[in-house]
Structures are given as structure tokens and as C-alpha cells.
Amino acid sequence: MRDLTPRIAQALRYEGPGRVYVSMCFDGSPAHEAGIREGDVIEEVGQHRIAAVDAYKSVILGFTAGNPVRFTLNRKGQSLETVVTPTGFPKSMVEPYAWTLLGVKARPATKSDARKLGLARDGGMIVSKLRPSGPAAEAGLRPGDVILEIGNIAVTSADEFSIAVAALRLKSSTVVLVQRGPYGVYVSLPLP
């Protein structure tokens, strides 16, 4: 989600009251399954008019998994309504989210990796690939770096990595603790 600027509104041919547009919608997500697409302008969620991304985030946090929510949208000048049924964050979405939001592919560090890399503790996720223009690459991460924390969530396993990545959905930036050799460093990453 992004705030709708006058320039983007013009590109989307939108003149209505909405102030937030869908910048990214993952295949298989509840929003995608309900027909929401990139470029849609969100006007209302439930009974709430959406005036900014922060308002959208506040409203979304009030809904629970399994309870359908009505969305009023505008797509290329046409008003649409759809119903989204929120779910828990599916594990199948972790890899695409991590790649899109952070620009990383990572695998769990084994005990052997921990010894070889001189990690202070077991666990973490070893960066195996970076998207060249992604936030992690832009911040200087390299393959072989070990992610130990994302947004104050310890990452000692693939399950914890999943939880940390899921928590990024409504954020505009995060802080990541990375270990390279004997040194740990916190890196701030903007999120798309």
C-alpha cells in the first residue's frame, strides 16, 4: 500500500476520495483471491473511509482471520466492491515476501555453519541470494551474511524467519541484525 499522490492518481485515471493505492498484491494472497490488483485505489475497508496508509494499517489490524471484510475500490475509473477473508500468513508466502520486501533468499544456518562462520549462537538464516536492486543489497548485505534478527524478532530458525517476514507486511521500514564473521551490525532497510 502506498499513499496516492496527485501524479499517481493522474496515471491511474482516478479522481475520487481514496488516498491509498495497492502497490503490490501477491498471487495467492487473500486480497488477490478476492480480485484486488496492483493499481487499485482503496476507498473503504469495512465501514472505514481510507484517507492514508497509516489509517489503512490501523483499520486492517482490527480484523481477524476468517472474518470477511468488504473493500470498496476503484480500478481505472470503475467503482468495485469485493470481500476479502483474512487468513493467517501462509508459509508459502514467506519466500516471495522476503524476496520482494527485503530482496533476500535465505536458508537456515546449521550447527556446522555456526561453527564454520564463528556465530555466537546457533541459528539464524544465511543469505544465499540477493536481488541486486533490493533493500538488503542496497544496504550492503552479501551472500553468506547471517540474519539474526528482523524488526526486533529473533531469527534462530526458519519458523522465526517466517514470523518476522510476516510482521513486515504493514511496515515501511525495518531494522535487521546481521552477522558477518565475528561482527554483528544493525542495518535499516526501507520496504517497498
N, C-alpha and C. Protein backbone atom coordinates (compact mmCIF):
# COMPACT_ATOMS: atom_id res chain seq x y z
N MET A 1 0.83 -1.18 0.00
CA MET A 1 0.00 0.00 0.00
C MET A 1 0.88 1.24 0.00
N ARG A 2 0.45 2.22 -0.72
CA ARG A 2 1.16 3.50 -0.79
C ARG A 2 0.14 4.63 -0.78
N ASP A 3 0.58 5.77 -0.26
CA ASP A 3 -0.27 6.96 -0.33
C ASP A 3 -0.40 7.38 -1.78
N LEU A 4 -1.58 7.81 -2.15
CA LEU A 4 -1.88 8.21 -3.52
C LEU A 4 -1.50 9.68 -3.72
N THR A 5 -0.47 9.91 -4.51
CA THR A 5 -0.06 11.28 -4.82
C THR A 5 -0.87 11.77 -6.02
N PRO A 6 -0.93 13.08 -6.23
CA PRO A 6 -1.66 13.59 -7.41
C PRO A 6 -1.12 13.00 -8.72
N ARG A 7 0.17 12.83 -8.80
CA ARG A 7 0.78 12.29 -10.03
C ARG A 7 0.35 10.84 -10.27
N ILE A 8 0.35 10.04 -9.21
CA ILE A 8 -0.07 8.64 -9.36
C ILE A 8 -1.57 8.58 -9.65
N ALA A 9 -2.36 9.42 -8.98
CA ALA A 9 -3.80 9.47 -9.24
C ALA A 9 -4.06 9.75 -10.72
N GLN A 10 -3.30 10.67 -11.28
CA GLN A 10 -3.45 11.00 -12.69
C GLN A 10 -3.10 9.80 -13.56
N ALA A 11 -2.02 9.11 -13.23
CA ALA A 11 -1.60 7.94 -14.01
C ALA A 11 -2.65 6.82 -13.92
N LEU A 12 -3.33 6.72 -12.77
CA LEU A 12 -4.36 5.70 -12.58
C LEU A 12 -5.73 6.16 -13.07
N ARG A 13 -5.80 7.40 -13.58
CA ARG A 13 -7.06 7.99 -14.04
C ARG A 13 -8.10 8.00 -12.92
N TYR A 14 -7.66 8.46 -11.75
CA TYR A 14 -8.53 8.43 -10.57
C TYR A 14 -8.77 9.84 -10.05
N GLU A 15 -10.05 10.17 -9.78
CA GLU A 15 -10.41 11.49 -9.27
C GLU A 15 -11.26 11.42 -8.02
N GLY A 16 -11.38 10.25 -7.39
CA GLY A 16 -12.27 10.09 -6.24
C GLY A 16 -11.63 10.43 -4.90
N PRO A 17 -12.30 10.02 -3.81
CA PRO A 17 -11.86 10.39 -2.46
C PRO A 17 -10.75 9.51 -1.88
N GLY A 18 -10.45 8.38 -2.50
CA GLY A 18 -9.44 7.48 -1.96
C GLY A 18 -8.06 8.10 -1.94
N ARG A 19 -7.26 7.73 -0.98
CA ARG A 19 -5.91 8.29 -0.85
C ARG A 19 -4.84 7.20 -0.70
N VAL A 20 -5.22 5.94 -0.96
CA VAL A 20 -4.29 4.83 -0.84
C VAL A 20 -4.47 3.92 -2.05
N TYR A 21 -3.36 3.47 -2.62
CA TYR A 21 -3.47 2.53 -3.73
C TYR A 21 -2.64 1.28 -3.45
N VAL A 22 -3.00 0.21 -4.14
CA VAL A 22 -2.32 -1.08 -3.98
C VAL A 22 -1.06 -1.05 -4.84
N SER A 23 0.10 -1.08 -4.18
CA SER A 23 1.37 -1.04 -4.91
C SER A 23 1.89 -2.45 -5.19
N MET A 24 1.39 -3.42 -4.43
CA MET A 24 1.87 -4.79 -4.55
C MET A 24 0.77 -5.73 -4.06
N CYS A 25 0.45 -6.76 -4.83
CA CYS A 25 -0.55 -7.76 -4.42
C CYS A 25 -0.04 -9.13 -4.86
N PHE A 26 0.29 -9.97 -3.90
CA PHE A 26 0.89 -11.27 -4.19
C PHE A 26 -0.14 -12.29 -4.64
N ASP A 27 0.22 -13.05 -5.69
CA ASP A 27 -0.62 -14.16 -6.13
C ASP A 27 -0.84 -15.09 -4.94
N GLY A 28 -2.07 -15.55 -4.78
CA GLY A 28 -2.39 -16.49 -3.71
C GLY A 28 -2.75 -15.83 -2.39
N SER A 29 -2.56 -14.53 -2.27
CA SER A 29 -2.93 -13.84 -1.03
C SER A 29 -4.45 -13.70 -0.98
N PRO A 30 -5.04 -13.52 0.21
CA PRO A 30 -6.49 -13.32 0.28
C PRO A 30 -6.96 -12.14 -0.57
N ALA A 31 -6.20 -11.06 -0.60
CA ALA A 31 -6.58 -9.90 -1.42
C ALA A 31 -6.60 -10.27 -2.90
N HIS A 32 -5.59 -10.97 -3.36
CA HIS A 32 -5.52 -11.38 -4.77
C HIS A 32 -6.67 -12.33 -5.10
N GLU A 33 -6.93 -13.27 -4.20
CA GLU A 33 -8.03 -14.22 -4.42
C GLU A 33 -9.37 -13.50 -4.51
N ALA A 34 -9.51 -12.36 -3.81
CA ALA A 34 -10.76 -11.60 -3.83
C ALA A 34 -10.83 -10.66 -5.04
N GLY A 35 -9.79 -10.62 -5.86
CA GLY A 35 -9.81 -9.82 -7.07
C GLY A 35 -9.11 -8.48 -6.97
N ILE A 36 -8.47 -8.17 -5.85
CA ILE A 36 -7.74 -6.90 -5.72
C ILE A 36 -6.45 -7.01 -6.53
N ARG A 37 -6.12 -5.94 -7.24
CA ARG A 37 -4.93 -5.93 -8.10
C ARG A 37 -4.10 -4.68 -7.87
N GLU A 38 -2.84 -4.76 -8.28
CA GLU A 38 -1.95 -3.60 -8.20
C GLU A 38 -2.57 -2.47 -8.99
N GLY A 39 -2.51 -1.26 -8.44
CA GLY A 39 -3.09 -0.10 -9.08
C GLY A 39 -4.50 0.22 -8.62
N ASP A 40 -5.16 -0.71 -7.92
CA ASP A 40 -6.48 -0.42 -7.38
C ASP A 40 -6.36 0.64 -6.29
N VAL A 41 -7.33 1.56 -6.26
CA VAL A 41 -7.37 2.57 -5.21
C VAL A 41 -8.37 2.09 -4.16
N ILE A 42 -7.95 2.07 -2.90
CA ILE A 42 -8.82 1.63 -1.81
C ILE A 42 -9.54 2.85 -1.26
N GLU A 43 -10.87 2.82 -1.34
CA GLU A 43 -11.67 3.92 -0.83
C GLU A 43 -12.23 3.62 0.56
N GLU A 44 -12.69 2.38 0.77
CA GLU A 44 -13.22 1.99 2.08
C GLU A 44 -12.83 0.56 2.40
N VAL A 45 -12.65 0.30 3.69
CA VAL A 45 -12.44 -1.05 4.21
C VAL A 45 -13.43 -1.20 5.36
N GLY A 46 -14.34 -2.18 5.23
CA GLY A 46 -15.43 -2.28 6.19
C GLY A 46 -16.25 -1.00 6.07
N GLN A 47 -16.47 -0.33 7.17
CA GLN A 47 -17.21 0.94 7.16
C GLN A 47 -16.28 2.15 7.26
N HIS A 48 -14.98 1.92 7.08
CA HIS A 48 -13.99 2.97 7.28
C HIS A 48 -13.49 3.54 5.96
N ARG A 49 -13.64 4.86 5.79
CA ARG A 49 -13.07 5.54 4.64
C ARG A 49 -11.56 5.62 4.88
N ILE A 50 -10.78 5.30 3.86
CA ILE A 50 -9.33 5.24 3.99
C ILE A 50 -8.70 6.50 3.40
N ALA A 51 -8.08 7.31 4.28
CA ALA A 51 -7.52 8.59 3.85
C ALA A 51 -6.00 8.58 3.76
N ALA A 52 -5.36 7.54 4.29
CA ALA A 52 -3.89 7.46 4.26
C ALA A 52 -3.46 6.04 4.59
N VAL A 53 -2.22 5.71 4.26
CA VAL A 53 -1.71 4.37 4.52
C VAL A 53 -1.77 4.05 6.01
N ASP A 54 -1.44 5.01 6.87
CA ASP A 54 -1.49 4.75 8.31
C ASP A 54 -2.90 4.39 8.76
N ALA A 55 -3.91 5.06 8.20
CA ALA A 55 -5.30 4.73 8.52
C ALA A 55 -5.63 3.31 8.05
N TYR A 56 -5.16 2.96 6.86
CA TYR A 56 -5.38 1.61 6.34
C TYR A 56 -4.79 0.57 7.29
N LYS A 57 -3.56 0.80 7.72
CA LYS A 57 -2.89 -0.14 8.63
C LYS A 57 -3.67 -0.29 9.93
N SER A 58 -4.13 0.81 10.49
CA SER A 58 -4.89 0.76 11.74
C SER A 58 -6.18 -0.03 11.57
N VAL A 59 -6.88 0.21 10.47
CA VAL A 59 -8.14 -0.48 10.22
C VAL A 59 -7.90 -1.97 10.02
N ILE A 60 -6.91 -2.33 9.22
CA ILE A 60 -6.63 -3.74 8.91
C ILE A 60 -6.30 -4.53 10.18
N LEU A 61 -5.56 -3.91 11.08
CA LEU A 61 -5.18 -4.59 12.32
C LEU A 61 -6.39 -4.93 13.19
N GLY A 62 -7.53 -4.29 12.94
CA GLY A 62 -8.74 -4.56 13.72
C GLY A 62 -9.54 -5.76 13.25
N PHE A 63 -9.16 -6.36 12.14
CA PHE A 63 -9.89 -7.51 11.61
C PHE A 63 -9.17 -8.81 11.97
N THR A 64 -9.94 -9.89 12.11
CA THR A 64 -9.36 -11.17 12.48
C THR A 64 -9.50 -12.18 11.34
N ALA A 65 -8.61 -13.16 11.36
CA ALA A 65 -8.62 -14.21 10.34
C ALA A 65 -9.98 -14.91 10.32
N GLY A 66 -10.47 -15.15 9.12
CA GLY A 66 -11.71 -15.88 8.95
C GLY A 66 -12.95 -15.00 8.88
N ASN A 67 -12.84 -13.73 9.27
CA ASN A 67 -14.00 -12.83 9.22
C ASN A 67 -13.94 -11.97 7.96
N PRO A 68 -14.90 -12.16 7.04
CA PRO A 68 -14.89 -11.42 5.77
C PRO A 68 -14.97 -9.91 5.98
N VAL A 69 -14.27 -9.16 5.12
CA VAL A 69 -14.22 -7.70 5.19
C VAL A 69 -14.53 -7.15 3.80
N ARG A 70 -15.44 -6.16 3.74
CA ARG A 70 -15.81 -5.55 2.47
C ARG A 70 -14.81 -4.45 2.11
N PHE A 71 -14.34 -4.46 0.88
CA PHE A 71 -13.45 -3.43 0.34
C PHE A 71 -14.19 -2.71 -0.79
N THR A 72 -14.15 -1.39 -0.76
CA THR A 72 -14.65 -0.59 -1.88
C THR A 72 -13.42 -0.03 -2.58
N LEU A 73 -13.32 -0.31 -3.88
CA LEU A 73 -12.13 0.01 -4.67
C LEU A 73 -12.51 0.83 -5.89
N ASN A 74 -11.49 1.36 -6.52
CA ASN A 74 -11.66 1.99 -7.81
C ASN A 74 -10.55 1.46 -8.70
N ARG A 75 -10.93 0.93 -9.85
CA ARG A 75 -9.94 0.43 -10.81
C ARG A 75 -10.18 1.11 -12.15
N LYS A 76 -9.23 1.97 -12.51
CA LYS A 76 -9.30 2.68 -13.80
C LYS A 76 -10.64 3.39 -13.99
N GLY A 77 -11.09 4.07 -12.93
CA GLY A 77 -12.31 4.85 -13.02
C GLY A 77 -13.58 4.09 -12.72
N GLN A 78 -13.50 2.79 -12.51
CA GLN A 78 -14.68 1.97 -12.22
C GLN A 78 -14.72 1.62 -10.74
N SER A 79 -15.88 1.85 -10.11
CA SER A 79 -16.06 1.50 -8.71
C SER A 79 -16.33 0.01 -8.59
N LEU A 80 -15.66 -0.65 -7.64
CA LEU A 80 -15.80 -2.09 -7.43
C LEU A 80 -15.96 -2.37 -5.94
N GLU A 81 -16.65 -3.44 -5.62
CA GLU A 81 -16.70 -3.94 -4.25
C GLU A 81 -16.28 -5.39 -4.28
N THR A 82 -15.56 -5.79 -3.25
CA THR A 82 -15.17 -7.17 -3.11
C THR A 82 -15.09 -7.50 -1.62
N VAL A 83 -15.07 -8.76 -1.32
CA VAL A 83 -14.97 -9.21 0.07
C VAL A 83 -13.69 -10.01 0.21
N VAL A 84 -12.86 -9.60 1.16
CA VAL A 84 -11.61 -10.29 1.46
C VAL A 84 -11.78 -11.03 2.78
N THR A 85 -11.40 -12.30 2.80
CA THR A 85 -11.42 -13.06 4.04
C THR A 85 -9.98 -13.23 4.50
N PRO A 86 -9.58 -12.46 5.53
CA PRO A 86 -8.20 -12.56 6.02
C PRO A 86 -7.89 -13.97 6.52
N THR A 87 -6.65 -14.36 6.36
CA THR A 87 -6.18 -15.65 6.86
C THR A 87 -4.91 -15.42 7.66
N GLY A 88 -4.42 -16.47 8.27
CA GLY A 88 -3.08 -16.39 8.86
C GLY A 88 -2.08 -16.29 7.72
N PHE A 89 -0.87 -15.89 8.03
CA PHE A 89 0.15 -15.74 6.99
C PHE A 89 0.63 -17.12 6.55
N PRO A 90 0.38 -17.51 5.28
CA PRO A 90 0.78 -18.85 4.83
C PRO A 90 2.29 -18.96 4.62
N LYS A 91 2.85 -20.09 5.03
CA LYS A 91 4.29 -20.30 4.88
C LYS A 91 4.72 -20.22 3.43
N SER A 92 3.82 -20.55 2.52
CA SER A 92 4.17 -20.50 1.10
C SER A 92 4.45 -19.07 0.63
N MET A 93 4.06 -18.06 1.42
CA MET A 93 4.27 -16.67 1.04
C MET A 93 5.58 -16.10 1.59
N VAL A 94 6.26 -16.84 2.48
CA VAL A 94 7.47 -16.32 3.12
C VAL A 94 8.55 -16.00 2.09
N GLU A 95 8.86 -16.94 1.23
CA GLU A 95 9.93 -16.72 0.26
C GLU A 95 9.62 -15.56 -0.69
N PRO A 96 8.40 -15.50 -1.30
CA PRO A 96 8.14 -14.34 -2.17
C PRO A 96 8.13 -13.01 -1.41
N TYR A 97 7.64 -12.99 -0.18
CA TYR A 97 7.66 -11.75 0.61
C TYR A 97 9.09 -11.33 0.91
N ALA A 98 9.91 -12.28 1.36
CA ALA A 98 11.31 -11.96 1.69
C ALA A 98 12.04 -11.44 0.45
N TRP A 99 11.77 -12.05 -0.69
CA TRP A 99 12.43 -11.62 -1.93
C TRP A 99 11.95 -10.24 -2.36
N THR A 100 10.63 -10.02 -2.29
CA THR A 100 10.07 -8.74 -2.73
C THR A 100 10.35 -7.61 -1.75
N LEU A 101 10.14 -7.86 -0.46
CA LEU A 101 10.27 -6.80 0.54
C LEU A 101 11.72 -6.53 0.94
N LEU A 102 12.50 -7.59 1.16
CA LEU A 102 13.88 -7.42 1.62
C LEU A 102 14.90 -7.58 0.49
N GLY A 103 14.54 -8.38 -0.51
CA GLY A 103 15.48 -8.66 -1.59
C GLY A 103 16.46 -9.76 -1.22
N VAL A 104 16.00 -10.73 -0.38
CA VAL A 104 16.89 -11.82 0.02
C VAL A 104 16.22 -13.18 -0.14
N LYS A 105 17.06 -14.16 -0.40
CA LYS A 105 16.70 -15.57 -0.24
C LYS A 105 17.66 -16.06 0.82
N ALA A 106 17.15 -16.86 1.74
CA ALA A 106 17.98 -17.30 2.85
C ALA A 106 17.63 -18.73 3.24
N ARG A 107 18.60 -19.38 3.87
CA ARG A 107 18.38 -20.75 4.35
C ARG A 107 18.81 -20.82 5.81
N PRO A 108 18.24 -21.78 6.57
CA PRO A 108 18.61 -21.88 7.98
C PRO A 108 20.09 -22.23 8.15
N ALA A 109 20.72 -21.61 9.13
CA ALA A 109 22.11 -21.94 9.48
C ALA A 109 22.10 -23.21 10.32
N THR A 110 22.95 -24.15 9.95
CA THR A 110 23.07 -25.39 10.71
C THR A 110 24.11 -25.21 11.82
N LYS A 111 24.21 -26.20 12.70
CA LYS A 111 25.25 -26.15 13.75
C LYS A 111 26.64 -26.12 13.11
N SER A 112 26.79 -26.86 12.01
CA SER A 112 28.07 -26.85 11.30
C SER A 112 28.37 -25.46 10.74
N ASP A 113 27.34 -24.80 10.18
CA ASP A 113 27.51 -23.43 9.69
C ASP A 113 27.92 -22.50 10.83
N ALA A 114 27.26 -22.67 11.99
CA ALA A 114 27.55 -21.80 13.15
C ALA A 114 29.01 -21.92 13.55
N ARG A 115 29.53 -23.15 13.58
CA ARG A 115 30.95 -23.34 13.92
C ARG A 115 31.86 -22.74 12.85
N LYS A 116 31.55 -23.03 11.59
CA LYS A 116 32.37 -22.56 10.47
C LYS A 116 32.40 -21.03 10.38
N LEU A 117 31.23 -20.40 10.63
CA LEU A 117 31.12 -18.95 10.49
C LEU A 117 31.46 -18.21 11.79
N GLY A 118 31.70 -18.96 12.86
CA GLY A 118 32.03 -18.33 14.13
C GLY A 118 30.87 -17.59 14.75
N LEU A 119 29.65 -18.13 14.58
CA LEU A 119 28.48 -17.47 15.14
C LEU A 119 28.46 -17.60 16.66
N ALA A 120 28.03 -16.55 17.31
CA ALA A 120 27.97 -16.53 18.77
C ALA A 120 26.86 -17.45 19.28
N ARG A 121 25.88 -17.74 18.46
CA ARG A 121 24.78 -18.62 18.86
C ARG A 121 24.35 -19.47 17.68
N ASP A 122 23.68 -20.57 17.96
CA ASP A 122 23.15 -21.41 16.89
C ASP A 122 21.98 -20.69 16.24
N GLY A 123 21.74 -21.03 15.01
CA GLY A 123 20.57 -20.50 14.32
C GLY A 123 20.89 -19.30 13.47
N GLY A 124 19.81 -18.69 13.00
CA GLY A 124 19.92 -17.59 12.06
C GLY A 124 19.63 -18.10 10.66
N MET A 125 19.54 -17.17 9.74
CA MET A 125 19.29 -17.50 8.35
C MET A 125 20.44 -16.96 7.51
N ILE A 126 21.07 -17.83 6.74
CA ILE A 126 22.20 -17.44 5.91
C ILE A 126 21.67 -16.90 4.58
N VAL A 127 22.11 -15.70 4.24
CA VAL A 127 21.71 -15.09 2.97
C VAL A 127 22.37 -15.89 1.85
N SER A 128 21.52 -16.47 0.97
CA SER A 128 22.05 -17.26 -0.14
C SER A 128 22.02 -16.49 -1.46
N LYS A 129 21.10 -15.52 -1.56
CA LYS A 129 20.99 -14.75 -2.80
C LYS A 129 20.40 -13.38 -2.49
N LEU A 130 20.86 -12.37 -3.23
CA LEU A 130 20.36 -11.01 -3.07
C LEU A 130 19.83 -10.49 -4.40
N ARG A 131 18.70 -9.80 -4.34
CA ARG A 131 18.18 -9.10 -5.51
C ARG A 131 19.03 -7.85 -5.67
N PRO A 132 19.72 -7.65 -6.81
CA PRO A 132 20.68 -6.55 -6.96
C PRO A 132 20.15 -5.18 -6.56
N SER A 133 18.91 -4.86 -6.86
CA SER A 133 18.39 -3.54 -6.51
C SER A 133 17.53 -3.57 -5.25
N GLY A 134 17.55 -4.69 -4.53
CA GLY A 134 16.71 -4.82 -3.34
C GLY A 134 17.27 -4.07 -2.14
N PRO A 135 16.43 -3.83 -1.14
CA PRO A 135 16.86 -3.10 0.05
C PRO A 135 18.09 -3.72 0.75
N ALA A 136 18.15 -5.04 0.84
CA ALA A 136 19.28 -5.68 1.53
C ALA A 136 20.59 -5.45 0.77
N ALA A 137 20.56 -5.61 -0.54
CA ALA A 137 21.77 -5.38 -1.35
C ALA A 137 22.18 -3.91 -1.29
N GLU A 138 21.20 -3.01 -1.38
CA GLU A 138 21.50 -1.58 -1.31
C GLU A 138 22.14 -1.20 0.03
N ALA A 139 21.79 -1.95 1.09
CA ALA A 139 22.33 -1.66 2.43
C ALA A 139 23.68 -2.34 2.65
N GLY A 140 24.14 -3.13 1.67
CA GLY A 140 25.46 -3.72 1.77
C GLY A 140 25.51 -5.17 2.22
N LEU A 141 24.37 -5.83 2.38
CA LEU A 141 24.40 -7.25 2.74
C LEU A 141 25.01 -8.04 1.60
N ARG A 142 25.60 -9.19 1.96
CA ARG A 142 26.25 -10.06 0.98
C ARG A 142 25.83 -11.50 1.22
N PRO A 143 25.89 -12.33 0.18
CA PRO A 143 25.64 -13.76 0.41
C PRO A 143 26.63 -14.26 1.46
N GLY A 144 26.14 -15.09 2.36
CA GLY A 144 26.96 -15.60 3.45
C GLY A 144 26.73 -14.86 4.75
N ASP A 145 26.19 -13.63 4.69
CA ASP A 145 25.82 -12.93 5.91
C ASP A 145 24.73 -13.73 6.61
N VAL A 146 24.66 -13.60 7.93
CA VAL A 146 23.67 -14.34 8.70
C VAL A 146 22.68 -13.36 9.33
N ILE A 147 21.41 -13.54 9.02
CA ILE A 147 20.36 -12.71 9.60
C ILE A 147 20.00 -13.30 10.96
N LEU A 148 20.17 -12.49 12.01
CA LEU A 148 19.89 -12.94 13.38
C LEU A 148 18.62 -12.33 13.95
N GLU A 149 18.19 -11.22 13.37
CA GLU A 149 17.02 -10.52 13.89
C GLU A 149 16.41 -9.66 12.79
N ILE A 150 15.09 -9.62 12.75
CA ILE A 150 14.38 -8.73 11.82
C ILE A 150 13.32 -8.00 12.64
N GLY A 151 13.41 -6.69 12.68
CA GLY A 151 12.40 -5.89 13.38
C GLY A 151 12.20 -6.30 14.82
N ASN A 152 13.28 -6.52 15.55
CA ASN A 152 13.24 -6.92 16.96
C ASN A 152 12.68 -8.32 17.19
N ILE A 153 12.59 -9.14 16.15
CA ILE A 153 12.18 -10.53 16.29
C ILE A 153 13.41 -11.39 16.04
N ALA A 154 13.82 -12.16 17.07
CA ALA A 154 14.98 -13.04 16.93
C ALA A 154 14.70 -14.06 15.84
N VAL A 155 15.70 -14.31 15.01
CA VAL A 155 15.58 -15.26 13.91
C VAL A 155 16.61 -16.36 14.14
N THR A 156 16.16 -17.44 14.81
CA THR A 156 17.06 -18.56 15.05
C THR A 156 16.65 -19.79 14.26
N SER A 157 15.52 -19.69 13.53
CA SER A 157 15.02 -20.83 12.75
C SER A 157 14.20 -20.32 11.57
N ALA A 158 13.87 -21.24 10.68
CA ALA A 158 13.03 -20.88 9.53
C ALA A 158 11.65 -20.43 10.00
N ASP A 159 11.13 -21.03 11.07
CA ASP A 159 9.82 -20.63 11.59
C ASP A 159 9.86 -19.19 12.11
N GLU A 160 10.91 -18.83 12.83
CA GLU A 160 11.02 -17.46 13.33
C GLU A 160 11.24 -16.47 12.17
N PHE A 161 11.95 -16.90 11.14
CA PHE A 161 12.11 -16.08 9.94
C PHE A 161 10.74 -15.81 9.33
N SER A 162 9.89 -16.84 9.27
CA SER A 162 8.54 -16.70 8.73
C SER A 162 7.74 -15.67 9.53
N ILE A 163 7.83 -15.75 10.85
CA ILE A 163 7.10 -14.81 11.71
C ILE A 163 7.59 -13.39 11.48
N ALA A 164 8.91 -13.23 11.41
CA ALA A 164 9.49 -11.90 11.21
C ALA A 164 9.12 -11.32 9.85
N VAL A 165 9.14 -12.13 8.81
CA VAL A 165 8.78 -11.66 7.47
C VAL A 165 7.29 -11.30 7.42
N ALA A 166 6.44 -12.11 8.04
CA ALA A 166 5.01 -11.81 8.07
C ALA A 166 4.75 -10.48 8.75
N ALA A 167 5.52 -10.16 9.76
CA ALA A 167 5.34 -8.90 10.50
C ALA A 167 5.69 -7.67 9.66
N LEU A 168 6.37 -7.86 8.54
CA LEU A 168 6.77 -6.74 7.68
C LEU A 168 5.65 -6.23 6.79
N ARG A 169 4.57 -6.98 6.67
CA ARG A 169 3.51 -6.66 5.71
C ARG A 169 2.99 -5.23 5.80
N LEU A 170 2.88 -4.69 6.97
CA LEU A 170 2.29 -3.36 7.12
C LEU A 170 3.32 -2.31 7.52
N LYS A 171 4.59 -2.61 7.29
CA LYS A 171 5.64 -1.67 7.69
C LYS A 171 6.26 -0.99 6.47
N SER A 172 6.84 0.17 6.71
CA SER A 172 7.51 0.88 5.62
C SER A 172 9.03 0.77 5.74
N SER A 173 9.52 0.26 6.87
CA SER A 173 10.96 0.02 7.04
C SER A 173 11.15 -0.98 8.18
N THR A 174 12.35 -1.51 8.28
CA THR A 174 12.67 -2.42 9.39
C THR A 174 14.16 -2.35 9.68
N VAL A 175 14.54 -2.88 10.82
CA VAL A 175 15.94 -2.97 11.20
C VAL A 175 16.30 -4.45 11.26
N VAL A 176 17.43 -4.81 10.67
CA VAL A 176 17.88 -6.20 10.60
C VAL A 176 19.23 -6.31 11.28
N LEU A 177 19.39 -7.31 12.17
CA LEU A 177 20.69 -7.61 12.77
C LEU A 177 21.34 -8.69 11.93
N VAL A 178 22.52 -8.36 11.41
CA VAL A 178 23.25 -9.26 10.52
C VAL A 178 24.62 -9.53 11.11
N GLN A 179 25.06 -10.78 11.02
CA GLN A 179 26.42 -11.10 11.44
C GLN A 179 27.24 -11.47 10.21
N ARG A 180 28.43 -10.87 10.14
CA ARG A 180 29.41 -11.17 9.09
C ARG A 180 30.71 -11.44 9.83
N GLY A 181 31.16 -12.69 9.76
CA GLY A 181 32.35 -13.04 10.54
C GLY A 181 32.06 -12.83 12.01
N PRO A 182 33.00 -12.25 12.76
CA PRO A 182 32.77 -12.08 14.20
C PRO A 182 31.94 -10.84 14.55
N TYR A 183 31.54 -10.08 13.55
CA TYR A 183 30.88 -8.80 13.82
C TYR A 183 29.40 -8.85 13.51
N GLY A 184 28.61 -8.22 14.38
CA GLY A 184 27.18 -8.05 14.15
C GLY A 184 26.92 -6.57 13.90
N VAL A 185 25.99 -6.30 13.02
CA VAL A 185 25.65 -4.91 12.71
C VAL A 185 24.15 -4.80 12.46
N TYR A 186 23.57 -3.72 12.96
CA TYR A 186 22.17 -3.43 12.67
C TYR A 186 22.10 -2.59 11.41
N VAL A 187 21.21 -2.98 10.51
CA VAL A 187 21.04 -2.30 9.23
C VAL A 187 19.58 -1.90 9.08
N SER A 188 19.33 -0.66 8.73
CA SER A 188 17.97 -0.18 8.48
C SER A 188 17.64 -0.40 7.01
N LEU A 189 16.48 -1.01 6.76
CA LEU A 189 16.06 -1.29 5.40
C LEU A 189 14.71 -0.65 5.11
N PRO A 190 14.62 0.18 4.07
CA PRO A 190 13.31 0.67 3.64
C PRO A 190 12.58 -0.48 2.95
N LEU A 191 11.27 -0.52 3.08
CA LEU A 191 10.49 -1.58 2.44
C LEU A 191 9.63 -0.97 1.34
N PRO A 192 9.50 -1.70 0.23
CA PRO A 192 8.70 -1.17 -0.89
C PRO A 192 7.21 -1.09 -0.55
